[in-house]
N, C-alpha and C. Protein backbone atom coordinates (compact mmCIF):
# COMPACT_ATOMS: atom_id res chain seq x y z
N MET A 1 97.04 110.00 97.36
CA MET A 1 98.17 109.09 97.34
C MET A 1 98.43 108.61 98.77
N SER A 2 98.63 107.31 98.96
CA SER A 2 98.89 106.78 100.29
C SER A 2 100.36 106.96 100.65
N SER A 3 100.63 106.93 101.96
CA SER A 3 102.01 107.08 102.40
C SER A 3 102.78 105.80 102.11
N PRO A 4 104.08 105.93 101.82
CA PRO A 4 104.88 104.75 101.46
C PRO A 4 105.02 103.79 102.64
N GLN A 5 105.11 102.52 102.32
CA GLN A 5 105.31 101.50 103.34
C GLN A 5 106.78 101.46 103.72
N PRO A 6 107.09 101.12 104.97
CA PRO A 6 108.50 101.06 105.39
C PRO A 6 109.24 99.93 104.66
N PHE A 7 110.53 100.15 104.43
CA PHE A 7 111.35 99.14 103.77
C PHE A 7 111.81 98.09 104.76
N ILE A 8 111.96 98.48 106.02
CA ILE A 8 112.45 97.57 107.05
C ILE A 8 111.65 97.82 108.32
N GLU A 9 111.35 96.76 109.02
CA GLU A 9 110.64 96.88 110.28
C GLU A 9 111.45 96.16 111.35
N ILE A 10 111.86 96.89 112.37
CA ILE A 10 112.61 96.31 113.47
C ILE A 10 111.61 95.73 114.46
N ILE A 11 111.61 94.42 114.64
CA ILE A 11 110.68 93.77 115.55
C ILE A 11 111.18 93.88 116.99
N LYS A 12 112.45 93.58 117.20
CA LYS A 12 113.02 93.66 118.55
C LYS A 12 114.46 94.11 118.44
N GLY A 13 114.71 95.36 118.77
CA GLY A 13 116.07 95.90 118.70
C GLY A 13 116.80 95.71 120.02
N GLY A 14 118.09 95.58 119.94
CA GLY A 14 118.92 95.44 121.13
C GLY A 14 119.76 96.68 121.33
N LEU A 15 120.62 96.62 122.34
CA LEU A 15 121.47 97.77 122.65
C LEU A 15 122.47 98.07 121.55
N GLN A 16 122.85 97.08 120.76
CA GLN A 16 123.84 97.29 119.70
C GLN A 16 123.20 97.37 118.32
N THR A 17 121.90 97.58 118.24
CA THR A 17 121.21 97.70 116.97
C THR A 17 121.44 99.08 116.37
N THR A 18 121.89 99.13 115.14
CA THR A 18 122.02 100.40 114.43
C THR A 18 121.42 100.25 113.05
N VAL A 19 120.92 101.35 112.53
CA VAL A 19 120.42 101.39 111.16
C VAL A 19 121.26 102.43 110.43
N GLN A 20 121.94 102.02 109.38
CA GLN A 20 122.85 102.90 108.66
C GLN A 20 122.26 103.27 107.30
N ASP A 21 122.36 104.54 106.96
CA ASP A 21 121.96 104.97 105.63
C ASP A 21 123.19 105.52 104.93
N LEU A 22 122.99 106.15 103.79
CA LEU A 22 124.13 106.68 103.04
C LEU A 22 124.50 108.10 103.45
N GLY A 23 123.92 108.61 104.50
CA GLY A 23 124.27 109.93 105.00
C GLY A 23 123.39 111.02 104.41
N ARG A 24 123.72 112.25 104.79
CA ARG A 24 122.95 113.40 104.35
C ARG A 24 123.85 114.48 103.78
N PRO A 25 124.50 114.21 102.65
CA PRO A 25 125.37 115.22 102.06
C PRO A 25 124.54 116.42 101.58
N GLY A 26 125.11 117.59 101.71
CA GLY A 26 124.44 118.80 101.23
C GLY A 26 123.71 119.58 102.32
N TYR A 27 123.73 119.08 103.56
CA TYR A 27 123.03 119.76 104.65
C TYR A 27 123.99 120.33 105.70
N GLN A 28 125.28 120.42 105.37
CA GLN A 28 126.25 120.92 106.35
C GLN A 28 125.97 122.36 106.74
N ARG A 29 125.45 123.17 105.83
CA ARG A 29 125.14 124.57 106.16
C ARG A 29 124.10 124.67 107.26
N ALA A 30 123.25 123.66 107.37
CA ALA A 30 122.21 123.64 108.40
C ALA A 30 122.71 123.00 109.69
N GLY A 31 123.99 122.62 109.71
CA GLY A 31 124.58 122.03 110.92
C GLY A 31 124.40 120.53 111.04
N VAL A 32 124.00 119.87 109.95
CA VAL A 32 123.80 118.42 109.96
C VAL A 32 125.07 117.77 109.44
N VAL A 33 125.61 116.83 110.21
CA VAL A 33 126.81 116.13 109.75
C VAL A 33 126.43 115.15 108.64
N VAL A 34 127.38 114.84 107.76
CA VAL A 34 127.10 113.93 106.65
C VAL A 34 126.77 112.54 107.19
N GLY A 35 127.57 112.02 108.11
CA GLY A 35 127.31 110.71 108.71
C GLY A 35 127.20 109.62 107.66
N GLY A 36 126.37 108.63 107.95
CA GLY A 36 126.16 107.53 107.03
C GLY A 36 127.07 106.35 107.33
N ALA A 37 126.94 105.35 106.54
CA ALA A 37 127.72 104.13 106.71
C ALA A 37 129.20 104.41 106.46
N ALA A 38 130.06 103.69 107.14
CA ALA A 38 131.49 103.86 106.96
C ALA A 38 131.94 103.32 105.60
N ASP A 39 131.24 102.33 105.09
CA ASP A 39 131.59 101.71 103.81
C ASP A 39 130.37 101.80 102.90
N ASN A 40 130.33 102.83 102.04
CA ASN A 40 129.16 103.06 101.19
C ASN A 40 128.89 101.91 100.23
N LEU A 41 129.94 101.31 99.66
CA LEU A 41 129.74 100.20 98.73
C LEU A 41 129.05 99.02 99.42
N SER A 42 129.52 98.66 100.60
CA SER A 42 128.89 97.56 101.33
C SER A 42 127.47 97.88 101.71
N ALA A 43 127.20 99.11 102.11
CA ALA A 43 125.84 99.52 102.47
C ALA A 43 124.91 99.41 101.26
N ARG A 44 125.39 99.84 100.10
CA ARG A 44 124.57 99.74 98.88
C ARG A 44 124.32 98.28 98.51
N LEU A 45 125.34 97.44 98.62
CA LEU A 45 125.17 96.02 98.30
C LEU A 45 124.22 95.35 99.27
N ASP A 46 124.30 95.71 100.56
CA ASP A 46 123.39 95.14 101.56
C ASP A 46 121.95 95.49 101.24
N ASN A 47 121.72 96.68 100.72
CA ASN A 47 120.35 97.12 100.44
C ASN A 47 119.77 96.49 99.19
N LEU A 48 120.61 95.83 98.40
CA LEU A 48 120.09 95.15 97.22
C LEU A 48 119.31 93.94 97.66
């Protein structure tokens, strides 16, 4: 099986470039903060 292709490719990022995901819930025990986009609904709509 081949490795998956990236969904997004940043050609030229700037100082204010950020990539937001939906966070990492369930990993707090390992010391990872949930993080993610501030507005989950907007992030999901953007990814459509």
